[in-house]
Amino acid sequence: MKKKSAPKRPRRAAGLLGVGLDNDDGHKRVTTGESFAILGGSAETHEKMTETVVKTFEELKRRRKPLAAVEPKELAEILHRSTPR
């Protein structure tokens, strides 16, 4: 008799997208990584978004959690703490 396997849960995909809208120098800024993309913004804004994402993924690594496993509220808190002031 065959054993019935448990139904597979759909795999969650996750990624972060940062869009900067304050660019007035005509430069096209794009930074991508395995689970993120940062598009546009002034040099300062793009740099802050990049730093925020890097620090966020460092924190997720410390917590040993993949992005797809983090609840939105927890992610928002991590992003807030990771944003340079």
C-alpha atoms as a PDB file:
ATOM      1  CA  MET A   1       0.000   0.000   0.000  1.00  0.00           C
ATOM      2  CA  LYS A   2       1.363   3.430  -0.950  1.00  0.00           C
ATOM      3  CA  LYS A   3       1.793   5.997   1.732  1.00  0.00           C
ATOM      4  CA  LYS A   4      -0.065   9.202   1.006  1.00  0.00           C
ATOM      5  CA  SER A   5       2.303  12.155   1.015  1.00  0.00           C
ATOM      6  CA  ALA A   6       1.414  15.390   2.680  1.00  0.00           C
ATOM      7  CA  PRO A   7       0.275  18.119   0.296  1.00  0.00           C
ATOM      8  CA  LYS A   8       3.123  20.405  -0.676  1.00  0.00           C
ATOM      9  CA  ARG A   9       2.871  23.983   0.407  1.00  0.00           C
ATOM     10  CA  PRO A  10       3.564  26.483  -2.342  1.00  0.00           C
ATOM     11  CA  ARG A  11       7.063  27.897  -2.143  1.00  0.00           C
ATOM     12  CA  ARG A  12       7.137  31.531  -1.112  1.00  0.00           C
ATOM     13  CA  ALA A  13       9.296  33.833  -3.163  1.00  0.00           C
ATOM     14  CA  ALA A  14      10.463  37.048  -1.569  1.00  0.00           C
ATOM     15  CA  GLY A  15      12.427  40.094  -2.588  1.00  0.00           C
ATOM     16  CA  LEU A  16      12.876  43.730  -1.715  1.00  0.00           C
ATOM     17  CA  LEU A  17      12.453  46.559  -4.190  1.00  0.00           C
ATOM     18  CA  GLY A  18      13.632  50.087  -3.487  1.00  0.00           C
ATOM     19  CA  VAL A  19      12.650  52.921  -5.815  1.00  0.00           C
ATOM     20  CA  GLY A  20      14.112  56.396  -5.436  1.00  0.00           C
ATOM     21  CA  LEU A  21      12.195  59.231  -7.076  1.00  0.00           C
ATOM     22  CA  ASP A  22      14.362  62.230  -6.195  1.00  0.00           C
ATOM     23  CA  ASN A  23      16.881  61.981  -9.043  1.00  0.00           C
ATOM     24  CA  ASP A  24      17.431  65.214 -10.957  1.00  0.00           C
ATOM     25  CA  ASP A  25      20.948  64.640 -12.340  1.00  0.00           C
ATOM     26  CA  GLY A  26      19.910  62.226 -15.126  1.00  0.00           C
ATOM     27  CA  HIS A  27      22.128  59.432 -13.795  1.00  0.00           C
ATOM     28  CA  LYS A  28      20.540  55.962 -13.904  1.00  0.00           C
ATOM     29  CA  ARG A  29      21.346  54.107 -10.712  1.00  0.00           C
ATOM     30  CA  VAL A  30      20.633  50.381 -10.438  1.00  0.00           C
ATOM     31  CA  THR A  31      21.880  48.033  -7.732  1.00  0.00           C
ATOM     32  CA  THR A  32      20.757  44.412  -7.634  1.00  0.00           C
ATOM     33  CA  GLY A  33      21.404  41.391  -5.483  1.00  0.00           C
ATOM     34  CA  GLU A  34      20.052  37.908  -5.062  1.00  0.00           C
ATOM     35  CA  SER A  35      16.853  39.052  -3.331  1.00  0.00           C
ATOM     36  CA  PHE A  36      16.709  42.789  -3.958  1.00  0.00           C
ATOM     37  CA  ALA A  37      16.774  45.566  -6.530  1.00  0.00           C
ATOM     38  CA  ILE A  38      17.308  49.278  -5.934  1.00  0.00           C
ATOM     39  CA  LEU A  39      16.391  51.621  -8.746  1.00  0.00           C
ATOM     40  CA  GLY A  40      16.856  55.343  -9.202  1.00  0.00           C
ATOM     41  CA  GLY A  41      17.143  58.062  -6.651  1.00  0.00           C
ATOM     42  CA  SER A  42      19.753  60.712  -6.099  1.00  0.00           C
ATOM     43  CA  ALA A  43      23.254  59.535  -5.208  1.00  0.00           C
ATOM     44  CA  GLU A  44      22.484  60.093  -1.503  1.00  0.00           C
ATOM     45  CA  THR A  45      19.116  58.331  -1.587  1.00  0.00           C
ATOM     46  CA  HIS A  46      20.450  55.376  -3.567  1.00  0.00           C
ATOM     47  CA  GLU A  47      23.345  55.001  -1.127  1.00  0.00           C
ATOM     48  CA  LYS A  48      20.977  55.071   1.887  1.00  0.00           C
ATOM     49  CA  MET A  49      18.675  52.478   0.307  1.00  0.00           C
ATOM     50  CA  THR A  50      21.656  50.240  -0.470  1.00  0.00           C
ATOM     51  CA  GLU A  51      23.001  50.537   3.068  1.00  0.00           C
ATOM     52  CA  THR A  52      19.554  49.754   4.479  1.00  0.00           C
ATOM     53  CA  VAL A  53      19.204  46.603   2.392  1.00  0.00           C
ATOM     54  CA  VAL A  54      22.713  45.383   3.227  1.00  0.00           C
ATOM     55  CA  LYS A  55      22.145  45.885   6.965  1.00  0.00           C
ATOM     56  CA  THR A  56      18.717  44.220   6.710  1.00  0.00           C
ATOM     57  CA  PHE A  57      20.162  41.085   5.113  1.00  0.00           C
ATOM     58  CA  GLU A  58      22.982  41.048   7.700  1.00  0.00           C
ATOM     59  CA  GLU A  59      20.347  41.082  10.460  1.00  0.00           C
ATOM     60  CA  LEU A  60      18.360  38.304   8.786  1.00  0.00           C
ATOM     61  CA  LYS A  61      21.561  36.260   8.560  1.00  0.00           C
ATOM     62  CA  ARG A  62      22.218  36.826  12.292  1.00  0.00           C
ATOM     63  CA  ARG A  63      18.674  35.623  12.992  1.00  0.00           C
ATOM     64  CA  ARG A  64      19.195  32.682  10.625  1.00  0.00           C
ATOM     65  CA  LYS A  65      16.019  33.510   8.727  1.00  0.00           C
ATOM     66  CA  PRO A  66      15.540  33.689   4.978  1.00  0.00           C
ATOM     67  CA  LEU A  67      13.628  36.706   3.705  1.00  0.00           C
ATOM     68  CA  ALA A  68      10.660  34.517   2.734  1.00  0.00           C
ATOM     69  CA  ALA A  69      10.281  33.329   6.346  1.00  0.00           C
ATOM     70  CA  VAL A  70      10.024  36.801   7.903  1.00  0.00           C
ATOM     71  CA  GLU A  71       6.605  38.219   8.653  1.00  0.00           C
ATOM     72  CA  PRO A  72       5.904  41.707   7.248  1.00  0.00           C
ATOM     73  CA  LYS A  73       5.783  43.361  10.693  1.00  0.00           C
ATOM     74  CA  GLU A  74       9.149  41.891  11.700  1.00  0.00           C
ATOM     75  CA  LEU A  75      10.663  42.907   8.354  1.00  0.00           C
ATOM     76  CA  ALA A  76       9.355  46.458   8.763  1.00  0.00           C
ATOM     77  CA  GLU A  77      11.005  46.685  12.197  1.00  0.00           C
ATOM     78  CA  ILE A  78      14.318  45.370  10.833  1.00  0.00           C
ATOM     79  CA  LEU A  79      14.205  47.804   7.894  1.00  0.00           C
ATOM     80  CA  HIS A  80      13.427  50.699  10.234  1.00  0.00           C
ATOM     81  CA  ARG A  81      16.396  49.851  12.504  1.00  0.00           C
ATOM     82  CA  SER A  82      18.657  49.320   9.467  1.00  0.00           C
ATOM     83  CA  THR A  83      17.933  52.698   7.873  1.00  0.00           C
ATOM     84  CA  PRO A  84      20.799  55.182   8.294  1.00  0.00           C
ATOM     85  CA  ARG A  85      19.850  58.377  10.093  1.00  0.00           C
END
